[in-house]
Amino acid sequence: MKLTYTGKTKDVYALDNGNYLLKFKDDVTGADGVFDPGANTVGLTIEGAGRAGLSLTKYFFEILKEKGLPTHYIEANIEEATMTVKPATVFGNGLEVICRYRAVGSFLRRYGMYAKEGQPLDAFVEVTLKDDEREDPPISEDALHMLEVLSRDEYKVLKDLTQQIGQVVKEELSKKGIDLFDIKFEFGRVGESKEIVLIDEISGGNMRAYKDGNYIEPLQLEKLMLETN
């Protein structure tokens, strides 16, 4: 294995067969010791967060596979906190795609003149550039097209997949009485056909979820979702 990328919450290794291995860390994003899925810095380290995030990611990726929704997932090893994935190229230097069901976080900070905290949103899709220096600025479809980050057709696929996958996650959480406020995805292109697929992870560190009006920490979310009834 060859280390090819060191990220905030996981490291990426190239395998001899052309696939990649993601090693999940116990670091989560946030600031001043407070978790924030929208932050672009590591805010704290939570013991067991890596395995918890991978466990939930495996759970969701296998559901998406059953539903025929495309991802880069091949298999996962929970004990070693690793996931084997297909090679994928990102859009530009990387995009994050947020699906919002409630007005919270950066959405509320930007649009608070009109939005009320927690008000329902209709699976609002927002794309941001992965750019720590500029604090991950939001970007529109027109700008993405004009800057040749992706085509308009690709944007439509990106948006449709975001809403479809977000709905799957939302429905699974609701089975446990959990309300999904927002979730962050990443996508890439795979193969010669450059098919757009979900990459990275689906875990508590990528979403805001509440139960009975109370925010659920990433580790607690994994326990609630994966506990056997």
C-alpha atoms as a PDB file:
ATOM      1  CA  MET A   1       0.000   0.000   0.000  1.00  0.00           C
ATOM      2  CA  LYS A   2       1.120   3.512  -0.778  1.00  0.00           C
ATOM      3  CA  LEU A   3      -0.149   6.546   1.122  1.00  0.00           C
ATOM      4  CA  THR A   4      -1.499   8.960  -1.499  1.00  0.00           C
ATOM      5  CA  TYR A   5      -3.473  11.479   0.555  1.00  0.00           C
ATOM      6  CA  THR A   6      -3.722  12.572   4.181  1.00  0.00           C
ATOM      7  CA  GLY A   7      -7.118  14.081   4.951  1.00  0.00           C
ATOM      8  CA  LYS A   8      -8.783  15.608   7.994  1.00  0.00           C
ATOM      9  CA  THR A   9     -10.835  12.540   8.887  1.00  0.00           C
ATOM     10  CA  LYS A  10      -9.235   9.752   6.807  1.00  0.00           C
ATOM     11  CA  ASP A  11      -6.093   8.737   4.921  1.00  0.00           C
ATOM     12  CA  VAL A  12      -6.088   7.257   1.411  1.00  0.00           C
ATOM     13  CA  TYR A  13      -3.832   4.408   0.259  1.00  0.00           C
ATOM     14  CA  ALA A  14      -3.357   3.071  -3.284  1.00  0.00           C
ATOM     15  CA  LEU A  15      -3.632  -0.720  -3.589  1.00  0.00           C
ATOM     16  CA  ASP A  16      -1.699  -2.846  -6.079  1.00  0.00           C
ATOM     17  CA  ASN A  17      -4.913  -3.899  -7.875  1.00  0.00           C
ATOM     18  CA  GLY A  18      -5.841  -0.313  -8.769  1.00  0.00           C
ATOM     19  CA  ASN A  19      -8.412   0.192  -6.020  1.00  0.00           C
ATOM     20  CA  TYR A  20      -7.963   2.410  -2.962  1.00  0.00           C
ATOM     21  CA  LEU A  21      -8.114   1.884   0.791  1.00  0.00           C
ATOM     22  CA  LEU A  22      -9.603   4.552   3.057  1.00  0.00           C
ATOM     23  CA  LYS A  23      -8.360   4.512   6.661  1.00  0.00           C
ATOM     24  CA  PHE A  24     -10.874   6.234   8.950  1.00  0.00           C
ATOM     25  CA  LYS A  25      -9.480   8.391  11.783  1.00  0.00           C
ATOM     26  CA  ASP A  26     -10.967   9.415  15.117  1.00  0.00           C
ATOM     27  CA  ASP A  27     -10.734  13.098  14.139  1.00  0.00           C
ATOM     28  CA  VAL A  28     -13.937  15.028  13.381  1.00  0.00           C
ATOM     29  CA  THR A  29     -14.472  18.506  11.957  1.00  0.00           C
ATOM     30  CA  GLY A  30     -15.380  21.473  14.121  1.00  0.00           C
ATOM     31  CA  ALA A  31     -13.895  24.391  16.004  1.00  0.00           C
ATOM     32  CA  ASP A  32     -12.868  25.027  19.610  1.00  0.00           C
ATOM     33  CA  GLY A  33     -13.657  21.457  20.593  1.00  0.00           C
ATOM     34  CA  VAL A  34     -17.207  21.578  19.232  1.00  0.00           C
ATOM     35  CA  PHE A  35     -18.280  19.261  16.408  1.00  0.00           C
ATOM     36  CA  ASP A  36     -19.541  20.915  13.209  1.00  0.00           C
ATOM     37  CA  PRO A  37     -20.095  18.839  10.045  1.00  0.00           C
ATOM     38  CA  GLY A  38     -19.764  21.973   7.923  1.00  0.00           C
ATOM     39  CA  ALA A  39     -16.411  23.060   9.356  1.00  0.00           C
ATOM     40  CA  ASN A  40     -13.232  22.856   7.283  1.00  0.00           C
ATOM     41  CA  THR A  41     -10.902  22.212  10.221  1.00  0.00           C
ATOM     42  CA  VAL A  42     -10.442  19.327  12.631  1.00  0.00           C
ATOM     43  CA  GLY A  43     -12.054  20.443  15.859  1.00  0.00           C
ATOM     44  CA  LEU A  44     -11.626  17.442  18.120  1.00  0.00           C
ATOM     45  CA  THR A  45     -10.733  13.775  18.363  1.00  0.00           C
ATOM     46  CA  ILE A  46     -13.338  11.284  19.585  1.00  0.00           C
ATOM     47  CA  GLU A  47     -12.113   7.786  20.452  1.00  0.00           C
ATOM     48  CA  GLY A  48     -13.904   5.243  18.294  1.00  0.00           C
ATOM     49  CA  ALA A  49     -15.242   7.852  15.863  1.00  0.00           C
ATOM     50  CA  GLY A  50     -13.416   6.256  12.933  1.00  0.00           C
ATOM     51  CA  ARG A  51     -14.930   2.802  13.375  1.00  0.00           C
ATOM     52  CA  ALA A  52     -18.332   4.310  14.188  1.00  0.00           C
ATOM     53  CA  GLY A  53     -18.266   6.415  11.024  1.00  0.00           C
ATOM     54  CA  LEU A  54     -17.218   3.430   8.938  1.00  0.00           C
ATOM     55  CA  SER A  55     -19.902   1.181  10.452  1.00  0.00           C
ATOM     56  CA  LEU A  56     -22.630   3.651   9.528  1.00  0.00           C
ATOM     57  CA  THR A  57     -21.056   4.265   6.106  1.00  0.00           C
ATOM     58  CA  LYS A  58     -21.048   0.531   5.375  1.00  0.00           C
ATOM     59  CA  TYR A  59     -24.679   0.287   6.506  1.00  0.00           C
ATOM     60  CA  PHE A  60     -25.823   3.064   4.178  1.00  0.00           C
ATOM     61  CA  PHE A  61     -23.615   2.146   1.206  1.00  0.00           C
ATOM     62  CA  GLU A  62     -24.962  -1.409   1.218  1.00  0.00           C
ATOM     63  CA  ILE A  63     -28.544  -0.077   1.245  1.00  0.00           C
ATOM     64  CA  LEU A  64     -27.701   2.207  -1.690  1.00  0.00           C
ATOM     65  CA  LYS A  65     -26.204  -0.758  -3.547  1.00  0.00           C
ATOM     66  CA  GLU A  66     -29.457  -2.691  -3.073  1.00  0.00           C
ATOM     67  CA  LYS A  67     -31.388   0.273  -4.464  1.00  0.00           C
ATOM     68  CA  GLY A  68     -29.106   0.588  -7.498  1.00  0.00           C
ATOM     69  CA  LEU A  69     -27.716   3.997  -6.514  1.00  0.00           C
ATOM     70  CA  PRO A  70     -24.057   4.350  -7.608  1.00  0.00           C
ATOM     71  CA  THR A  71     -21.190   4.589  -5.102  1.00  0.00           C
ATOM     72  CA  HIS A  72     -17.473   3.810  -5.066  1.00  0.00           C
ATOM     73  CA  TYR A  73     -17.908   1.284  -2.223  1.00  0.00           C
ATOM     74  CA  ILE A  74     -16.491  -2.256  -2.539  1.00  0.00           C
ATOM     75  CA  GLU A  75     -16.116  -3.589   1.019  1.00  0.00           C
ATOM     76  CA  ALA A  76     -15.277  -2.543   4.580  1.00  0.00           C
ATOM     77  CA  ASN A  77     -13.277  -3.900   7.523  1.00  0.00           C
ATOM     78  CA  ILE A  78     -14.733  -2.432  10.716  1.00  0.00           C
ATOM     79  CA  GLU A  79     -12.022  -3.741  13.065  1.00  0.00           C
ATOM     80  CA  GLU A  80      -9.263  -2.096  11.020  1.00  0.00           C
ATOM     81  CA  ALA A  81     -11.425   0.974  10.269  1.00  0.00           C
ATOM     82  CA  THR A  82     -10.750   0.627   6.544  1.00  0.00           C
ATOM     83  CA  MET A  83     -12.915   0.699   3.417  1.00  0.00           C
ATOM     84  CA  THR A  84     -11.920  -0.504  -0.049  1.00  0.00           C
ATOM     85  CA  VAL A  85     -13.249   1.645  -2.889  1.00  0.00           C
ATOM     86  CA  LYS A  86     -13.076   2.031  -6.659  1.00  0.00           C
ATOM     87  CA  PRO A  87     -10.744   4.722  -8.001  1.00  0.00           C
ATOM     88  CA  ALA A  88     -12.572   7.974  -8.669  1.00  0.00           C
ATOM     89  CA  THR A  89     -11.648  11.461  -9.822  1.00  0.00           C
ATOM     90  CA  VAL A  90     -13.211  14.461  -8.140  1.00  0.00           C
ATOM     91  CA  PHE A  91     -14.707  17.553  -9.759  1.00  0.00           C
ATOM     92  CA  GLY A  92     -12.003  20.197  -9.940  1.00  0.00           C
ATOM     93  CA  ASN A  93     -10.211  20.139  -6.593  1.00  0.00           C
ATOM     94  CA  GLY A  94     -13.275  18.656  -4.911  1.00  0.00           C
ATOM     95  CA  LEU A  95     -16.862  19.683  -4.232  1.00  0.00           C
ATOM     96  CA  GLU A  96     -19.120  19.179  -1.236  1.00  0.00           C
ATOM     97  CA  VAL A  97     -22.832  18.840  -1.881  1.00  0.00           C
ATOM     98  CA  ILE A  98     -25.221  19.535   0.994  1.00  0.00           C
ATOM     99  CA  CYS A  99     -28.844  18.455   1.071  1.00  0.00           C
ATOM    100  CA  ARG A 100     -30.818  20.576   3.535  1.00  0.00           C
ATOM    101  CA  TYR A 101     -34.143  19.696   5.143  1.00  0.00           C
ATOM    102  CA  ARG A 102     -34.063  22.344   7.887  1.00  0.00           C
ATOM    103  CA  ALA A 103     -32.695  25.892   8.106  1.00  0.00           C
ATOM    104  CA  VAL A 104     -29.679  25.537  10.397  1.00  0.00           C
ATOM    105  CA  GLY A 105     -25.922  26.069  10.320  1.00  0.00           C
ATOM    106  CA  SER A 106     -24.387  28.118   7.522  1.00  0.00           C
ATOM    107  CA  PHE A 107     -27.733  28.310   5.678  1.00  0.00           C
ATOM    108  CA  LEU A 108     -29.248  30.154   8.625  1.00  0.00           C
ATOM    109  CA  ARG A 109     -26.170  32.358   9.047  1.00  0.00           C
ATOM    110  CA  ARG A 110     -26.396  33.481   5.427  1.00  0.00           C
ATOM    111  CA  TYR A 111     -30.152  33.710   4.992  1.00  0.00           C
ATOM    112  CA  GLY A 112     -31.297  34.598   8.497  1.00  0.00           C
ATOM    113  CA  MET A 113     -33.010  37.763   7.218  1.00  0.00           C
ATOM    114  CA  TYR A 114     -35.622  35.476   5.665  1.00  0.00           C
ATOM    115  CA  ALA A 115     -35.180  32.052   7.241  1.00  0.00           C
ATOM    116  CA  LYS A 116     -36.271  31.028  10.713  1.00  0.00           C
ATOM    117  CA  GLU A 117     -34.173  28.558  12.665  1.00  0.00           C
ATOM    118  CA  GLY A 118     -35.272  24.997  12.021  1.00  0.00           C
ATOM    119  CA  GLN A 119     -37.878  25.855   9.398  1.00  0.00           C
ATOM    120  CA  PRO A 120     -38.478  23.033   6.863  1.00  0.00           C
ATOM    121  CA  LEU A 121     -36.599  23.112   3.546  1.00  0.00           C
ATOM    122  CA  ASP A 122     -37.535  21.018   0.522  1.00  0.00           C
ATOM    123  CA  ALA A 123     -34.317  18.978   0.066  1.00  0.00           C
ATOM    124  CA  PHE A 124     -32.425  22.162  -0.854  1.00  0.00           C
ATOM    125  CA  VAL A 125     -29.178  21.274  -2.661  1.00  0.00           C
ATOM    126  CA  GLU A 126     -26.147  23.491  -2.124  1.00  0.00           C
ATOM    127  CA  VAL A 127     -22.707  22.995  -3.680  1.00  0.00           C
ATOM    128  CA  THR A 128     -19.529  24.363  -2.117  1.00  0.00           C
ATOM    129  CA  LEU A 129     -15.922  24.273  -3.264  1.00  0.00           C
ATOM    130  CA  LYS A 130     -13.462  22.343  -1.107  1.00  0.00           C
ATOM    131  CA  ASP A 131     -11.196  25.307  -0.468  1.00  0.00           C
ATOM    132  CA  ASP A 132      -9.984  25.751   3.104  1.00  0.00           C
ATOM    133  CA  GLU A 133      -8.281  29.068   2.311  1.00  0.00           C
ATOM    134  CA  ARG A 134     -11.583  30.595   1.199  1.00  0.00           C
ATOM    135  CA  GLU A 135     -13.702  28.737   3.769  1.00  0.00           C
ATOM    136  CA  ASP A 136     -15.467  26.466   1.255  1.00  0.00           C
ATOM    137  CA  PRO A 137     -17.483  29.089  -0.670  1.00  0.00           C
ATOM    138  CA  PRO A 138     -20.893  28.154  -2.116  1.00  0.00           C
ATOM    139  CA  ILE A 139     -20.996  28.061  -5.922  1.00  0.00           C
ATOM    140  CA  SER A 140     -23.890  28.096  -8.401  1.00  0.00           C
ATOM    141  CA  GLU A 141     -24.599  25.833 -11.368  1.00  0.00           C
ATOM    142  CA  ASP A 142     -23.745  28.683 -13.767  1.00  0.00           C
ATOM    143  CA  ALA A 143     -20.366  29.321 -12.139  1.00  0.00           C
ATOM    144  CA  LEU A 144     -19.518  25.593 -12.054  1.00  0.00           C
ATOM    145  CA  HIS A 145     -20.284  25.388 -15.774  1.00  0.00           C
ATOM    146  CA  MET A 146     -18.441  28.593 -16.741  1.00  0.00           C
ATOM    147  CA  LEU A 147     -15.361  27.626 -14.732  1.00  0.00           C
ATOM    148  CA  GLU A 148     -15.438  24.171 -16.361  1.00  0.00           C
ATOM    149  CA  VAL A 149     -15.655  22.307 -13.057  1.00  0.00           C
ATOM    150  CA  LEU A 150     -18.572  20.289 -14.410  1.00  0.00           C
ATOM    151  CA  SER A 151     -21.146  20.441 -17.209  1.00  0.00           C
ATOM    152  CA  ARG A 152     -24.786  21.382 -16.802  1.00  0.00           C
ATOM    153  CA  ASP A 153     -25.760  17.767 -17.470  1.00  0.00           C
ATOM    154  CA  GLU A 154     -23.366  16.606 -14.767  1.00  0.00           C
ATOM    155  CA  TYR A 155     -24.811  19.161 -12.347  1.00  0.00           C
ATOM    156  CA  LYS A 156     -28.288  17.761 -12.952  1.00  0.00           C
ATOM    157  CA  VAL A 157     -27.057  14.228 -12.192  1.00  0.00           C
ATOM    158  CA  LEU A 158     -25.253  15.526  -9.093  1.00  0.00           C
ATOM    159  CA  LYS A 159     -28.384  17.259  -7.816  1.00  0.00           C
ATOM    160  CA  ASP A 160     -30.682  14.301  -8.562  1.00  0.00           C
ATOM    161  CA  LEU A 161     -28.351  11.809  -6.855  1.00  0.00           C
ATOM    162  CA  THR A 162     -27.994  14.108  -3.842  1.00  0.00           C
ATOM    163  CA  GLN A 163     -31.756  14.283  -3.357  1.00  0.00           C
ATOM    164  CA  GLN A 164     -32.276  10.555  -3.977  1.00  0.00           C
ATOM    165  CA  ILE A 165     -29.503   9.473  -1.595  1.00  0.00           C
ATOM    166  CA  GLY A 166     -30.505  12.086   0.966  1.00  0.00           C
ATOM    167  CA  GLN A 167     -34.054  10.709   0.927  1.00  0.00           C
ATOM    168  CA  VAL A 168     -32.774   7.173   1.534  1.00  0.00           C
ATOM    169  CA  VAL A 169     -30.764   8.340   4.550  1.00  0.00           C
ATOM    170  CA  LYS A 170     -33.660  10.449   5.816  1.00  0.00           C
ATOM    171  CA  GLU A 171     -36.062   7.497   5.621  1.00  0.00           C
ATOM    172  CA  GLU A 172     -33.642   5.148   7.389  1.00  0.00           C
ATOM    173  CA  LEU A 173     -33.120   7.657  10.213  1.00  0.00           C
ATOM    174  CA  SER A 174     -36.862   8.208  10.553  1.00  0.00           C
ATOM    175  CA  LYS A 175     -37.317   4.481  11.284  1.00  0.00           C
ATOM    176  CA  LYS A 176     -35.459   5.180  14.547  1.00  0.00           C
ATOM    177  CA  GLY A 177     -37.403   8.364  15.256  1.00  0.00           C
ATOM    178  CA  ILE A 178     -34.487  10.519  14.114  1.00  0.00           C
ATOM    179  CA  ASP A 179     -34.986  13.727  12.109  1.00  0.00           C
ATOM    180  CA  LEU A 180     -32.323  14.589   9.504  1.00  0.00           C
ATOM    181  CA  PHE A 181     -31.663  18.354   9.289  1.00  0.00           C
ATOM    182  CA  ASP A 182     -28.886  18.302   6.688  1.00  0.00           C
ATOM    183  CA  ILE A 183     -26.284  15.984   5.182  1.00  0.00           C
ATOM    184  CA  LYS A 184     -23.061  16.527   3.245  1.00  0.00           C
ATOM    185  CA  PHE A 185     -21.997  14.335   0.320  1.00  0.00           C
ATOM    186  CA  GLU A 186     -19.054  14.085  -2.054  1.00  0.00           C
ATOM    187  CA  PHE A 187     -19.167  12.741  -5.589  1.00  0.00           C
ATOM    188  CA  GLY A 188     -16.653  11.671  -8.219  1.00  0.00           C
ATOM    189  CA  ARG A 189     -16.337  10.146 -11.676  1.00  0.00           C
ATOM    190  CA  VAL A 190     -15.405   6.461 -12.117  1.00  0.00           C
ATOM    191  CA  GLY A 191     -14.378   4.357 -15.097  1.00  0.00           C
ATOM    192  CA  GLU A 192     -14.038   5.227 -18.763  1.00  0.00           C
ATOM    193  CA  SER A 193     -17.697   6.256 -18.864  1.00  0.00           C
ATOM    194  CA  LYS A 194     -16.997   8.808 -16.094  1.00  0.00           C
ATOM    195  CA  GLU A 195     -20.131   7.723 -14.257  1.00  0.00           C
ATOM    196  CA  ILE A 196     -20.955  10.048 -11.365  1.00  0.00           C
ATOM    197  CA  VAL A 197     -21.009   8.141  -8.070  1.00  0.00           C
ATOM    198  CA  LEU A 198     -21.158   8.907  -4.365  1.00  0.00           C
ATOM    199  CA  ILE A 199     -17.706   8.804  -2.756  1.00  0.00           C
ATOM    200  CA  ASP A 200     -16.227   9.313   0.719  1.00  0.00           C
ATOM    201  CA  GLU A 201     -18.637   8.389   3.527  1.00  0.00           C
ATOM    202  CA  ILE A 202     -22.126   8.652   5.041  1.00  0.00           C
ATOM    203  CA  SER A 203     -21.706   8.985   8.789  1.00  0.00           C
ATOM    204  CA  GLY A 204     -22.707  11.052  11.785  1.00  0.00           C
ATOM    205  CA  GLY A 205     -19.780  13.350  11.034  1.00  0.00           C
ATOM    206  CA  ASN A 206     -21.427  14.374   7.768  1.00  0.00           C
ATOM    207  CA  MET A 207     -24.881  15.244   9.022  1.00  0.00           C
ATOM    208  CA  ARG A 208     -26.969  17.048  11.606  1.00  0.00           C
ATOM    209  CA  ALA A 209     -29.583  14.764  13.104  1.00  0.00           C
ATOM    210  CA  TYR A 210     -31.993  15.265  16.013  1.00  0.00           C
ATOM    211  CA  LYS A 211     -34.168  13.010  18.146  1.00  0.00           C
ATOM    212  CA  ASP A 212     -36.946  14.433  20.331  1.00  0.00           C
ATOM    213  CA  GLY A 213     -35.571  17.897  19.637  1.00  0.00           C
ATOM    214  CA  ASN A 214     -32.055  17.041  20.834  1.00  0.00           C
ATOM    215  CA  TYR A 215     -28.948  17.001  18.638  1.00  0.00           C
ATOM    216  CA  ILE A 216     -27.335  13.554  18.290  1.00  0.00           C
ATOM    217  CA  GLU A 217     -23.535  13.322  18.470  1.00  0.00           C
ATOM    218  CA  PRO A 218     -21.868  11.198  15.739  1.00  0.00           C
ATOM    219  CA  LEU A 219     -21.020   8.270  18.032  1.00  0.00           C
ATOM    220  CA  GLN A 220     -24.498   8.219  19.516  1.00  0.00           C
ATOM    221  CA  LEU A 221     -26.053   8.301  16.053  1.00  0.00           C
ATOM    222  CA  GLU A 222     -24.104   5.190  15.071  1.00  0.00           C
ATOM    223  CA  LYS A 223     -25.293   3.391  18.201  1.00  0.00           C
ATOM    224  CA  LEU A 224     -28.925   4.363  17.649  1.00  0.00           C
ATOM    225  CA  MET A 225     -28.884   3.328  13.989  1.00  0.00           C
ATOM    226  CA  LEU A 226     -27.034   0.039  14.357  1.00  0.00           C
ATOM    227  CA  GLU A 227     -28.384  -1.251  17.645  1.00  0.00           C
ATOM    228  CA  THR A 228     -30.417  -4.436  17.287  1.00  0.00           C
ATOM    229  CA  ASN A 229     -34.007  -4.182  18.393  1.00  0.00           C
END
